[in-house]
Amino acid sequence: MSIYLKRIKYFLIRIISCIFQNIETLLVYLHICKPKVIIYMDGGICSQMLMYLQGQWYAEYGLKVYYDTRWFEVCGLDQFGQFTRDLEFHEMWPTLPFHVIKGWRRWFYKEFFNIGNFMNGTLLEPSTLRHSVYLYGYWDLPSGVYDRLFREKFDISRAQTVHNIHLNINNEDLIVGVHVRRGDLAKGNNPIYGGVTDGYFLHAVDFCKKKFMPQKFYFFSDEPDWVETNICSQIDVPNEIVRGNKAWEDLRLLASCDVIVASQGSFGRCAARLNPQAKLIICDNKPINKQQPNTFYIK
């Protein structure tokens, strides 16, 4: 399609969008209908959890919330196309309300009610909505709302349990869970999460061994063979690499550990948020707030 035709299409969509939005604004004003909120969803389980909470903030105000999960059908891979990203958060909390929008309705709201954003924007206040919105990307919940909703919706005591290794983790005296993220974040210094060196994990194991004297280390990673070669073969503590799990199962098990070593990314931090009593080890690679409780920063 030529640039000229693309511009024509863009302006036509904008015109039609204005018409539909104005019509619905009138219907909302007349109390004939309420605005709908459609949340685009993609990424790993932690991103899914964030996007779920975005929608639940609007649901608290009585708005009907739907989730667009088509990304998992047509893509479902990390940014380098290496590892699968399945829609899994609802497997961990299957009783949470979760309404998926599909077919022509998904297309209709995406085309004509789309409010585009990729990152670092604050969600629109529910009380300000005059018509339906399709929210694409990574939005920020207002201060305090995210923590409250996370505690309410993602109560670990109501999450599904995992197979026998879960019993081993809970029965040991003191357990360290180590998340090793490689793949799409192993190739450089990520602007969001920063980068960690391979030596960070060895330093973290040594730090935990001296500080907490744990009985065993469990490793969780998309690349277990790399972990076995580069970490487990170089440490002298009892350890086990957890293999063959889904992402939600690894998150559930990691959150059961007494000490959590976070890789770059949000997985380890999310596990620690699920278990506030756990000690969290983070790489000292970003200028972030270092007054978080139960958190240790190492190089």
Protein backbone atom coordinates (compact mmCIF):
# COMPACT_ATOMS: atom_id res chain seq x y z
CA MET A 1 0.00 0.00 0.00
CA SER A 2 1.41 3.39 -0.98
CA ILE A 3 2.02 6.16 1.53
CA TYR A 4 -0.82 8.14 -0.08
CA LEU A 5 -3.34 5.32 0.42
CA LYS A 6 -2.13 4.77 3.98
CA ARG A 7 -2.78 8.41 4.78
CA ILE A 8 -6.26 8.21 3.31
CA LYS A 9 -6.99 5.10 5.37
CA TYR A 10 -5.66 6.77 8.50
CA PHE A 11 -7.88 9.85 8.08
CA LEU A 12 -10.94 7.72 7.27
CA ILE A 13 -10.44 5.68 10.44
CA ARG A 14 -10.07 8.89 12.46
CA ILE A 15 -13.27 10.33 11.01
CA ILE A 16 -15.24 7.12 11.60
CA SER A 17 -13.77 6.89 15.10
CA CYS A 18 -14.97 10.38 15.95
CA ILE A 19 -18.46 9.52 14.71
CA PHE A 20 -18.71 6.30 16.75
CA GLN A 21 -17.20 7.89 19.85
CA ASN A 22 -19.55 10.88 19.71
CA ILE A 23 -22.57 8.61 19.25
CA GLU A 24 -21.57 6.50 22.25
CA THR A 25 -20.80 9.62 24.32
CA LEU A 26 -24.41 10.71 23.74
CA LEU A 27 -25.74 7.25 24.67
CA VAL A 28 -23.68 7.28 27.87
CA TYR A 29 -24.94 10.78 28.70
CA LEU A 30 -28.52 9.55 28.27
CA HIS A 31 -27.73 6.54 30.53
CA ILE A 32 -28.58 4.14 27.72
CA CYS A 33 -25.22 2.36 28.01
CA LYS A 34 -21.95 2.45 29.94
CA PRO A 35 -18.45 2.73 28.47
CA LYS A 36 -16.58 -0.51 27.92
CA VAL A 37 -12.87 -0.93 28.58
CA ILE A 38 -10.86 -3.32 26.41
CA ILE A 39 -7.34 -4.12 27.61
CA TYR A 40 -4.76 -5.35 25.13
CA MET A 41 -2.73 -8.16 26.68
CA ASP A 42 0.65 -9.63 25.71
CA GLY A 43 4.01 -10.75 27.10
CA GLY A 44 5.04 -13.03 29.94
CA ILE A 45 3.02 -13.86 33.01
CA CYS A 46 4.10 -10.76 34.96
CA SER A 47 3.04 -8.48 32.10
CA GLN A 48 -0.27 -10.35 31.95
CA MET A 49 -0.81 -9.76 35.66
CA LEU A 50 -0.12 -6.03 35.28
CA MET A 51 -2.55 -5.72 32.37
CA TYR A 52 -5.17 -7.68 34.25
CA LEU A 53 -4.98 -5.21 37.14
CA GLN A 54 -5.35 -2.32 34.72
CA GLY A 55 -8.74 -3.66 33.75
CA GLN A 56 -9.79 -4.47 37.29
CA TRP A 57 -9.34 -0.84 38.33
CA TYR A 58 -12.06 0.08 35.84
CA ALA A 59 -14.19 -2.88 36.91
CA GLU A 60 -14.27 -1.43 40.43
CA TYR A 61 -16.17 1.53 39.00
CA GLY A 62 -18.83 -0.69 37.47
CA LEU A 63 -17.47 -0.62 33.93
CA LYS A 64 -17.54 -3.73 31.78
CA VAL A 65 -13.97 -4.89 31.14
CA TYR A 66 -12.77 -7.18 28.37
CA TYR A 67 -9.30 -8.43 27.48
CA ASP A 68 -7.89 -8.78 23.97
CA THR A 69 -5.73 -11.92 24.00
CA ARG A 70 -5.24 -12.36 20.28
CA TRP A 71 -1.47 -11.69 20.58
CA PHE A 72 -1.05 -15.10 22.19
CA GLU A 73 -2.72 -16.73 19.18
CA VAL A 74 -0.79 -14.95 16.43
CA CYS A 75 2.59 -14.35 18.11
CA GLY A 76 3.15 -15.57 21.68
CA LEU A 77 6.96 -15.26 21.57
CA ASP A 78 9.58 -13.07 23.22
CA GLN A 79 11.06 -10.17 21.27
CA PHE A 80 13.65 -12.39 19.58
CA GLY A 81 11.17 -15.14 18.75
CA GLN A 82 13.08 -17.61 20.91
CA PHE A 83 10.84 -18.53 23.86
CA THR A 84 7.10 -19.05 24.05
CA ARG A 85 4.91 -16.67 26.02
CA ASP A 86 1.60 -18.36 26.76
CA LEU A 87 -1.47 -16.84 28.41
CA GLU A 88 -1.04 -18.39 31.86
CA PHE A 89 -1.91 -16.02 34.68
CA HIS A 90 -5.51 -17.28 34.72
CA GLU A 91 -4.27 -20.84 35.19
CA MET A 92 -2.68 -19.68 38.43
CA TRP A 93 -5.86 -17.89 39.62
CA PRO A 94 -8.67 -19.60 37.67
CA THR A 95 -11.46 -18.10 39.80
CA LEU A 96 -10.66 -14.49 38.89
CA PRO A 97 -13.20 -12.87 36.53
CA PHE A 98 -11.69 -12.78 33.06
CA HIS A 99 -13.73 -11.84 29.99
CA VAL A 100 -12.08 -12.15 26.57
CA ILE A 101 -13.24 -10.16 23.56
CA LYS A 102 -13.06 -11.79 20.12
CA GLY A 103 -14.20 -11.57 16.52
CA TRP A 104 -15.71 -8.45 15.01
CA ARG A 105 -16.16 -6.80 18.40
CA ARG A 106 -12.42 -6.99 19.09
CA TRP A 107 -11.68 -5.52 15.65
CA PHE A 108 -14.33 -2.80 16.04
CA TYR A 109 -13.06 -1.45 19.36
CA LYS A 110 -9.42 -1.76 18.36
CA GLU A 111 -10.00 0.25 15.17
CA PHE A 112 -12.34 2.95 16.41
CA PHE A 113 -11.80 3.30 20.17
CA ASN A 114 -8.04 2.78 20.36
CA ILE A 115 -5.99 4.96 22.69
CA GLY A 116 -2.44 4.07 21.75
CA ASN A 117 0.36 3.97 24.29
CA PHE A 118 3.35 1.73 24.71
CA MET A 119 4.87 2.76 28.02
CA ASN A 120 5.03 5.34 30.79
CA GLY A 121 1.52 6.73 30.54
CA THR A 122 -0.92 6.89 33.44
CA LEU A 123 -4.29 5.23 32.96
CA LEU A 124 -7.30 7.44 32.38
CA GLU A 125 -9.41 8.00 35.48
CA PRO A 126 -12.51 5.78 35.30
CA SER A 127 -14.78 8.68 36.21
CA THR A 128 -13.59 10.66 33.18
CA LEU A 129 -14.58 8.09 30.55
CA ARG A 130 -17.35 9.31 28.28
CA HIS A 131 -17.15 6.47 25.76
CA SER A 132 -15.49 3.05 25.42
CA VAL A 133 -11.71 2.77 25.13
CA TYR A 134 -9.29 0.20 23.80
CA LEU A 135 -6.09 0.48 25.85
CA TYR A 136 -2.96 -0.75 24.16
CA GLY A 137 0.41 -1.10 25.89
CA TYR A 138 1.98 -0.75 29.29
CA TRP A 139 0.13 1.84 31.35
CA ASP A 140 0.83 2.92 34.91
CA LEU A 141 -1.81 2.57 37.58
CA PRO A 142 -2.08 5.52 39.97
CA SER A 143 0.16 5.49 43.03
CA GLY A 144 -1.12 3.04 45.65
CA VAL A 145 -3.73 1.45 43.39
CA TYR A 146 -1.35 -1.14 41.95
CA ASP A 147 -0.19 -2.40 45.37
CA ARG A 148 -3.75 -2.63 46.69
CA LEU A 149 -5.11 -4.45 43.66
CA PHE A 150 -2.12 -6.80 43.57
CA ARG A 151 -2.75 -7.85 47.18
CA GLU A 152 -6.47 -8.27 46.59
CA LYS A 153 -6.37 -10.15 43.28
CA PHE A 154 -3.15 -12.15 43.50
CA ASP A 155 -3.38 -13.70 46.94
CA ILE A 156 -0.86 -16.57 46.87
CA SER A 157 -2.99 -18.60 49.28
CA ARG A 158 -5.70 -18.77 46.61
CA ALA A 159 -3.36 -19.66 43.76
CA GLN A 160 -3.21 -23.13 42.25
CA THR A 161 -0.55 -25.39 43.75
CA VAL A 162 2.13 -27.22 41.79
CA HIS A 163 3.36 -30.83 41.74
CA ASN A 164 5.64 -32.61 44.24
CA ILE A 165 8.57 -30.21 44.15
CA HIS A 166 6.30 -27.68 45.86
CA LEU A 167 6.20 -29.95 48.91
CA ASN A 168 9.99 -30.18 48.91
CA ILE A 169 10.34 -26.42 48.88
CA ASN A 170 7.92 -25.94 51.76
CA ASN A 171 9.42 -28.72 53.88
CA GLU A 172 13.06 -27.64 53.68
CA ASP A 173 14.37 -25.40 56.47
CA LEU A 174 15.57 -22.50 54.32
CA ILE A 175 15.39 -22.41 50.54
CA VAL A 176 16.80 -19.98 47.97
CA GLY A 177 15.07 -19.66 44.61
CA VAL A 178 17.14 -18.19 41.78
CA HIS A 179 15.56 -16.89 38.60
CA VAL A 180 17.97 -16.77 35.66
CA ARG A 181 16.56 -14.85 32.73
CA ARG A 182 18.51 -15.18 29.53
CA GLY A 183 16.99 -15.06 26.05
CA ASP A 184 15.78 -11.61 25.06
CA LEU A 185 17.44 -9.85 28.01
CA ALA A 186 20.80 -11.65 27.96
CA LYS A 187 22.23 -9.78 24.99
CA GLY A 188 22.80 -6.35 26.48
CA ASN A 189 21.92 -3.63 28.93
CA ASN A 190 18.12 -3.42 28.81
CA PRO A 191 16.93 0.21 29.17
CA ILE A 192 14.12 -0.82 31.52
CA TYR A 193 15.67 -3.51 33.69
CA GLY A 194 19.39 -2.98 33.20
CA GLY A 195 21.73 -5.86 32.51
CA VAL A 196 23.38 -8.46 34.71
CA THR A 197 26.66 -10.22 34.12
CA ASP A 198 26.96 -13.99 34.30
CA GLY A 199 29.01 -13.48 37.44
CA TYR A 200 26.08 -11.83 39.20
CA PHE A 201 24.43 -15.18 39.82
CA LEU A 202 27.62 -16.67 41.27
CA HIS A 203 27.98 -13.63 43.53
CA ALA A 204 24.35 -13.96 44.57
CA VAL A 205 24.79 -17.63 45.46
CA ASP A 206 27.89 -16.83 47.51
CA PHE A 207 26.12 -13.92 49.24
CA CYS A 208 23.12 -16.10 50.17
CA LYS A 209 25.35 -18.92 51.37
CA LYS A 210 27.15 -16.59 53.81
CA LYS A 211 24.17 -14.47 54.81
CA PHE A 212 21.39 -17.03 55.20
CA MET A 213 23.08 -20.48 55.29
CA PRO A 214 20.34 -22.10 53.17
CA GLN A 215 19.79 -25.85 52.84
CA LYS A 216 19.23 -25.81 49.08
CA PHE A 217 19.13 -23.64 45.96
CA TYR A 218 16.44 -24.07 43.28
CA PHE A 219 17.10 -22.57 39.84
CA PHE A 220 14.35 -21.44 37.45
CA SER A 221 15.23 -20.52 33.88
CA ASP A 222 14.23 -20.71 30.23
CA GLU A 223 17.75 -22.02 29.62
CA PRO A 224 18.36 -24.78 32.20
CA ASP A 225 21.31 -26.23 30.28
CA TRP A 226 23.07 -22.86 30.41
CA VAL A 227 22.41 -22.67 34.15
CA GLU A 228 23.81 -26.17 34.67
CA THR A 229 27.01 -25.37 32.73
CA ASN A 230 27.67 -21.83 33.94
CA ILE A 231 26.31 -21.78 37.48
CA CYS A 232 25.54 -25.15 39.03
CA SER A 233 28.83 -26.71 37.95
CA GLN A 234 30.69 -23.90 39.76
CA ILE A 235 28.96 -23.87 43.15
CA ASP A 236 29.42 -26.21 46.09
CA VAL A 237 25.95 -26.07 47.61
CA PRO A 238 22.98 -28.47 47.23
CA ASN A 239 21.00 -27.33 44.22
CA GLU A 240 18.35 -28.40 41.75
CA ILE A 241 17.32 -27.02 38.37
CA VAL A 242 13.56 -26.94 37.96
CA ARG A 243 12.69 -28.17 34.47
CA GLY A 244 9.59 -28.65 32.37
CA ASN A 245 7.25 -26.27 34.17
CA LYS A 246 4.94 -23.64 32.80
CA ALA A 247 5.79 -20.03 33.64
CA TRP A 248 3.03 -19.76 36.25
CA GLU A 249 4.25 -22.93 37.95
CA ASP A 250 7.78 -21.51 38.20
CA LEU A 251 6.39 -18.25 39.55
CA ARG A 252 4.31 -20.12 42.12
CA LEU A 253 7.30 -22.16 43.27
CA LEU A 254 9.70 -19.22 43.30
CA ALA A 255 7.26 -17.31 45.49
CA SER A 256 7.37 -20.23 47.97
CA CYS A 257 11.10 -19.76 48.59
CA ASP A 258 12.46 -18.00 51.67
CA VAL A 259 15.05 -16.07 49.65
CA ILE A 260 14.50 -14.99 46.02
CA VAL A 261 17.35 -14.01 43.70
CA ALA A 262 15.95 -11.85 40.91
CA SER A 263 17.36 -11.72 37.42
CA GLN A 264 16.77 -8.73 35.17
CA GLY A 265 13.12 -8.47 34.34
CA SER A 266 10.09 -8.53 36.64
CA PHE A 267 9.74 -12.26 37.37
CA GLY A 268 11.77 -12.38 40.61
CA ARG A 269 10.34 -9.11 41.89
CA CYS A 270 6.83 -10.34 41.19
CA ALA A 271 7.52 -13.56 43.12
CA ALA A 272 8.74 -11.52 46.08
CA ARG A 273 5.63 -9.34 45.92
CA LEU A 274 3.55 -12.52 46.17
CA ASN A 275 5.54 -13.48 49.27
CA PRO A 276 6.36 -10.30 51.23
CA GLN A 277 8.13 -12.35 53.93
CA ALA A 278 10.77 -13.53 51.47
CA LYS A 279 14.19 -11.88 51.25
CA LEU A 280 14.81 -10.43 47.79
CA ILE A 281 18.23 -10.20 46.14
CA ILE A 282 18.51 -7.67 43.30
CA CYS A 283 21.42 -6.70 41.09
CA ASP A 284 22.75 -3.24 41.96
CA ASN A 285 22.62 -2.06 38.34
CA LYS A 286 20.01 0.70 38.31
CA PRO A 287 19.56 3.96 40.24
CA ILE A 288 16.39 2.82 42.00
CA ASN A 289 14.94 3.25 45.46
CA LYS A 290 17.06 1.10 47.75
CA GLN A 291 14.93 1.35 50.87
CA GLN A 292 12.60 -1.51 50.03
CA PRO A 293 12.04 -3.88 52.99
CA ASN A 294 13.68 -7.32 52.96
CA THR A 295 15.73 -6.37 49.90
CA PHE A 296 19.49 -6.70 49.37
CA TYR A 297 21.43 -5.17 46.47
CA ILE A 298 24.60 -6.79 45.19
CA LYS A 299 26.87 -6.31 42.19
